[in-house]
Amino acid sequence: MSQSLCKIYVHIIFHIKTTSPSILEEHLERVHSYIGQLINTTGCQSILVGGVSNHVHIVCQLSKSETISHLLEEVKRNSSRWIKTIDDRYRDFAWQGGYAAFSVSESVLPKTIDYVRNQKTHHKKISFQNEYLYFLKLYRVKYDKRYVFSD
């Protein structure tokens, strides 16, 4: 083939450090928008960024030349710096070091987008910890219980 083509959708989840201040509701839209812009600057395509005060969900199309680890390094590093400029309450803001990334097929992409779009309602029924464990079980991800929720 003379051309390299790919279409890989990814659902990414990451959390703030337990010692970090939560993101206020009034700042969430700006934070999510900024994260979407950061994703696009890597060559990936942001489809939707959402979440609640303590964690973020991203649905994006991965670029053929970008790795998930580099994408998250750029997003977390730059968004953390930027969030600290929004308000003094965020001076100690930080994301946890880890993340979860799951493949999303074209057939369930609309369902995944709806899921991320409805995070606020969803988290009235289920905690982040239970949501995260659900995804790990659903995707059969092996993990060490000692570290799954630690900073």
C-alpha atoms as a PDB file:
ATOM      1  CA  MET A   1       0.000   0.000   0.000  1.00  0.00           C
ATOM      2  CA  SER A   2       1.181   3.477  -0.762  1.00  0.00           C
ATOM      3  CA  GLN A   3      -0.906   5.117   1.940  1.00  0.00           C
ATOM      4  CA  SER A   4      -1.215   4.546   5.687  1.00  0.00           C
ATOM      5  CA  LEU A   5      -4.771   4.783   6.952  1.00  0.00           C
ATOM      6  CA  CYS A   6      -6.365   4.154  10.312  1.00  0.00           C
ATOM      7  CA  LYS A   7      -9.545   4.919  12.174  1.00  0.00           C
ATOM      8  CA  ILE A   8      -9.154   4.146  15.852  1.00  0.00           C
ATOM      9  CA  TYR A   9     -11.615   5.497  18.377  1.00  0.00           C
ATOM     10  CA  VAL A  10     -10.588   5.594  22.029  1.00  0.00           C
ATOM     11  CA  HIS A  11     -12.480   6.232  25.270  1.00  0.00           C
ATOM     12  CA  ILE A  12     -10.085   7.601  27.884  1.00  0.00           C
ATOM     13  CA  ILE A  13     -10.727   8.166  31.590  1.00  0.00           C
ATOM     14  CA  PHE A  14      -8.513   9.897  34.135  1.00  0.00           C
ATOM     15  CA  HIS A  15      -8.980  11.336  37.623  1.00  0.00           C
ATOM     16  CA  ILE A  16      -7.666  14.219  39.698  1.00  0.00           C
ATOM     17  CA  LYS A  17      -5.249  13.465  42.533  1.00  0.00           C
ATOM     18  CA  THR A  18      -7.018  12.841  45.819  1.00  0.00           C
ATOM     19  CA  THR A  19      -5.195  15.861  47.287  1.00  0.00           C
ATOM     20  CA  SER A  20      -6.252  18.107  44.415  1.00  0.00           C
ATOM     21  CA  PRO A  21      -9.186  20.510  44.535  1.00  0.00           C
ATOM     22  CA  SER A  22     -12.170  19.375  42.488  1.00  0.00           C
ATOM     23  CA  ILE A  23     -13.103  21.339  39.393  1.00  0.00           C
ATOM     24  CA  LEU A  24     -16.045  23.604  40.054  1.00  0.00           C
ATOM     25  CA  GLU A  25     -19.176  23.087  37.949  1.00  0.00           C
ATOM     26  CA  GLU A  26     -18.821  26.632  36.593  1.00  0.00           C
ATOM     27  CA  HIS A  27     -15.377  25.769  35.160  1.00  0.00           C
ATOM     28  CA  LEU A  28     -16.080  22.296  33.748  1.00  0.00           C
ATOM     29  CA  GLU A  29     -17.160  23.396  30.272  1.00  0.00           C
ATOM     30  CA  ARG A  30     -14.038  25.550  29.853  1.00  0.00           C
ATOM     31  CA  VAL A  31     -11.778  22.754  31.097  1.00  0.00           C
ATOM     32  CA  HIS A  32     -13.378  20.194  28.777  1.00  0.00           C
ATOM     33  CA  SER A  33     -13.147  22.577  25.833  1.00  0.00           C
ATOM     34  CA  TYR A  34      -9.482  23.261  26.538  1.00  0.00           C
ATOM     35  CA  ILE A  35      -8.715  19.543  26.780  1.00  0.00           C
ATOM     36  CA  GLY A  36     -10.465  19.059  23.424  1.00  0.00           C
ATOM     37  CA  GLN A  37      -8.233  21.729  21.878  1.00  0.00           C
ATOM     38  CA  LEU A  38      -5.130  20.048  23.312  1.00  0.00           C
ATOM     39  CA  ILE A  39      -6.193  16.728  21.801  1.00  0.00           C
ATOM     40  CA  ASN A  40      -6.588  18.353  18.398  1.00  0.00           C
ATOM     41  CA  THR A  41      -3.124  19.950  18.572  1.00  0.00           C
ATOM     42  CA  THR A  42      -1.593  16.455  18.798  1.00  0.00           C
ATOM     43  CA  GLY A  43      -3.111  15.494  15.461  1.00  0.00           C
ATOM     44  CA  CYS A  44      -5.839  13.418  17.094  1.00  0.00           C
ATOM     45  CA  GLN A  45      -9.476  14.414  16.689  1.00  0.00           C
ATOM     46  CA  SER A  46     -11.464  15.262  19.799  1.00  0.00           C
ATOM     47  CA  ILE A  47     -15.018  14.003  19.490  1.00  0.00           C
ATOM     48  CA  LEU A  48     -16.249  14.746  23.014  1.00  0.00           C
ATOM     49  CA  VAL A  49     -14.691  15.636  26.353  1.00  0.00           C
ATOM     50  CA  GLY A  50     -16.891  15.373  29.418  1.00  0.00           C
ATOM     51  CA  GLY A  51     -16.984  14.318  33.009  1.00  0.00           C
ATOM     52  CA  VAL A  52     -17.636  15.735  36.426  1.00  0.00           C
ATOM     53  CA  SER A  53     -15.657  17.600  39.080  1.00  0.00           C
ATOM     54  CA  ASN A  54     -13.158  14.832  39.803  1.00  0.00           C
ATOM     55  CA  HIS A  55     -12.584  13.010  36.514  1.00  0.00           C
ATOM     56  CA  VAL A  56     -12.583  13.362  32.757  1.00  0.00           C
ATOM     57  CA  HIS A  57     -13.867  11.173  29.926  1.00  0.00           C
ATOM     58  CA  ILE A  58     -12.517  11.679  26.422  1.00  0.00           C
ATOM     59  CA  VAL A  59     -13.789  10.178  23.201  1.00  0.00           C
ATOM     60  CA  CYS A  60     -11.365  10.821  20.389  1.00  0.00           C
ATOM     61  CA  GLN A  61     -10.000   9.461  17.158  1.00  0.00           C
ATOM     62  CA  LEU A  62      -6.360   8.571  17.559  1.00  0.00           C
ATOM     63  CA  SER A  63      -3.960   9.882  14.929  1.00  0.00           C
ATOM     64  CA  LYS A  64      -1.969   7.279  13.018  1.00  0.00           C
ATOM     65  CA  SER A  65       1.233   8.858  14.350  1.00  0.00           C
ATOM     66  CA  GLU A  66       0.238   9.464  17.990  1.00  0.00           C
ATOM     67  CA  THR A  67       0.479   7.127  20.956  1.00  0.00           C
ATOM     68  CA  ILE A  68      -2.036   7.118  23.757  1.00  0.00           C
ATOM     69  CA  SER A  69       0.688   7.634  26.357  1.00  0.00           C
ATOM     70  CA  HIS A  70       2.062  10.714  24.573  1.00  0.00           C
ATOM     71  CA  LEU A  71      -1.435  12.094  23.992  1.00  0.00           C
ATOM     72  CA  LEU A  72      -2.232  11.823  27.708  1.00  0.00           C
ATOM     73  CA  GLU A  73       1.133  13.245  28.708  1.00  0.00           C
ATOM     74  CA  GLU A  74       0.434  16.339  26.599  1.00  0.00           C
ATOM     75  CA  VAL A  75      -3.188  16.683  27.688  1.00  0.00           C
ATOM     76  CA  LYS A  76      -2.533  16.264  31.400  1.00  0.00           C
ATOM     77  CA  ARG A  77       0.615  18.382  31.562  1.00  0.00           C
ATOM     78  CA  ASN A  78      -0.799  21.308  29.606  1.00  0.00           C
ATOM     79  CA  SER A  79      -4.318  21.233  31.052  1.00  0.00           C
ATOM     80  CA  SER A  80      -2.971  21.050  34.607  1.00  0.00           C
ATOM     81  CA  ARG A  81      -0.845  24.147  34.004  1.00  0.00           C
ATOM     82  CA  TRP A  82      -3.769  25.958  32.424  1.00  0.00           C
ATOM     83  CA  ILE A  83      -6.277  24.997  35.139  1.00  0.00           C
ATOM     84  CA  LYS A  84      -3.983  26.578  37.732  1.00  0.00           C
ATOM     85  CA  THR A  85      -4.450  29.933  35.962  1.00  0.00           C
ATOM     86  CA  ILE A  86      -8.267  29.869  36.142  1.00  0.00           C
ATOM     87  CA  ASP A  87      -8.557  30.564  39.852  1.00  0.00           C
ATOM     88  CA  ASP A  88      -6.384  30.589  42.981  1.00  0.00           C
ATOM     89  CA  ARG A  89      -8.302  27.599  44.359  1.00  0.00           C
ATOM     90  CA  TYR A  90      -6.544  25.436  41.715  1.00  0.00           C
ATOM     91  CA  ARG A  91      -2.952  26.348  42.651  1.00  0.00           C
ATOM     92  CA  ASP A  92      -2.391  22.770  43.906  1.00  0.00           C
ATOM     93  CA  PHE A  93      -4.347  21.112  41.099  1.00  0.00           C
ATOM     94  CA  ALA A  94      -2.961  17.892  39.619  1.00  0.00           C
ATOM     95  CA  TRP A  95      -4.145  14.865  37.689  1.00  0.00           C
ATOM     96  CA  GLN A  96      -3.326  11.358  38.861  1.00  0.00           C
ATOM     97  CA  GLY A  97      -0.499   9.743  36.931  1.00  0.00           C
ATOM     98  CA  GLY A  98      -2.553   6.906  35.482  1.00  0.00           C
ATOM     99  CA  TYR A  99      -5.401   6.608  33.037  1.00  0.00           C
ATOM    100  CA  ALA A 100      -7.570   4.010  31.345  1.00  0.00           C
ATOM    101  CA  ALA A 101      -7.972   3.846  27.577  1.00  0.00           C
ATOM    102  CA  PHE A 102     -10.456   1.579  25.844  1.00  0.00           C
ATOM    103  CA  SER A 103     -11.021   0.890  22.175  1.00  0.00           C
ATOM    104  CA  VAL A 104     -14.407   1.875  20.791  1.00  0.00           C
ATOM    105  CA  SER A 105     -15.841   0.300  17.667  1.00  0.00           C
ATOM    106  CA  GLU A 106     -17.707   2.378  15.111  1.00  0.00           C
ATOM    107  CA  SER A 107     -20.913   0.526  15.996  1.00  0.00           C
ATOM    108  CA  VAL A 108     -20.901   1.639  19.651  1.00  0.00           C
ATOM    109  CA  LEU A 109     -19.431   5.103  19.124  1.00  0.00           C
ATOM    110  CA  PRO A 110     -22.831   6.866  19.420  1.00  0.00           C
ATOM    111  CA  LYS A 111     -23.574   4.977  22.667  1.00  0.00           C
ATOM    112  CA  THR A 112     -20.153   5.931  24.064  1.00  0.00           C
ATOM    113  CA  ILE A 113     -20.691   9.587  23.157  1.00  0.00           C
ATOM    114  CA  ASP A 114     -24.089   9.557  24.896  1.00  0.00           C
ATOM    115  CA  TYR A 115     -22.505   7.950  27.944  1.00  0.00           C
ATOM    116  CA  VAL A 116     -19.866  10.698  28.207  1.00  0.00           C
ATOM    117  CA  ARG A 117     -22.421  13.412  27.481  1.00  0.00           C
ATOM    118  CA  ASN A 118     -24.585  12.236  30.393  1.00  0.00           C
ATOM    119  CA  GLN A 119     -21.897  11.970  33.073  1.00  0.00           C
ATOM    120  CA  LYS A 120     -23.569  14.376  35.476  1.00  0.00           C
ATOM    121  CA  THR A 121     -26.780  12.324  35.556  1.00  0.00           C
ATOM    122  CA  HIS A 122     -24.891   9.050  35.526  1.00  0.00           C
ATOM    123  CA  HIS A 123     -22.871   9.926  38.610  1.00  0.00           C
ATOM    124  CA  LYS A 124     -25.986  10.588  40.655  1.00  0.00           C
ATOM    125  CA  LYS A 125     -26.423   6.793  40.561  1.00  0.00           C
ATOM    126  CA  ILE A 126     -22.875   5.417  40.581  1.00  0.00           C
ATOM    127  CA  SER A 127     -19.568   6.525  42.060  1.00  0.00           C
ATOM    128  CA  PHE A 128     -16.448   7.066  39.997  1.00  0.00           C
ATOM    129  CA  GLN A 129     -14.807   4.077  41.688  1.00  0.00           C
ATOM    130  CA  ASN A 130     -17.664   1.736  40.747  1.00  0.00           C
ATOM    131  CA  GLU A 131     -17.814   3.148  37.237  1.00  0.00           C
ATOM    132  CA  TYR A 132     -14.080   2.614  36.773  1.00  0.00           C
ATOM    133  CA  LEU A 133     -14.199  -0.951  38.118  1.00  0.00           C
ATOM    134  CA  TYR A 134     -17.126  -1.649  35.788  1.00  0.00           C
ATOM    135  CA  PHE A 135     -15.047  -0.622  32.760  1.00  0.00           C
ATOM    136  CA  LEU A 136     -12.075  -2.671  33.908  1.00  0.00           C
ATOM    137  CA  LYS A 137     -14.326  -5.712  34.252  1.00  0.00           C
ATOM    138  CA  LEU A 138     -16.148  -5.049  30.958  1.00  0.00           C
ATOM    139  CA  TYR A 139     -12.860  -4.859  29.044  1.00  0.00           C
ATOM    140  CA  ARG A 140     -11.265  -7.678  31.077  1.00  0.00           C
ATOM    141  CA  VAL A 141      -8.378  -5.494  32.185  1.00  0.00           C
ATOM    142  CA  LYS A 142      -6.078  -7.063  34.744  1.00  0.00           C
ATOM    143  CA  TYR A 143      -5.065  -4.659  37.492  1.00  0.00           C
ATOM    144  CA  ASP A 144      -3.513  -4.578  40.931  1.00  0.00           C
ATOM    145  CA  LYS A 145      -6.164  -3.590  43.510  1.00  0.00           C
ATOM    146  CA  ARG A 146      -3.518  -1.946  45.663  1.00  0.00           C
ATOM    147  CA  TYR A 147      -2.859   0.723  43.040  1.00  0.00           C
ATOM    148  CA  VAL A 148      -6.071   1.203  41.104  1.00  0.00           C
ATOM    149  CA  PHE A 149      -7.228   4.211  43.193  1.00  0.00           C
ATOM    150  CA  SER A 150      -3.994   5.438  44.733  1.00  0.00           C
ATOM    151  CA  ASP A 151      -2.187   8.629  43.744  1.00  0.00           C
END
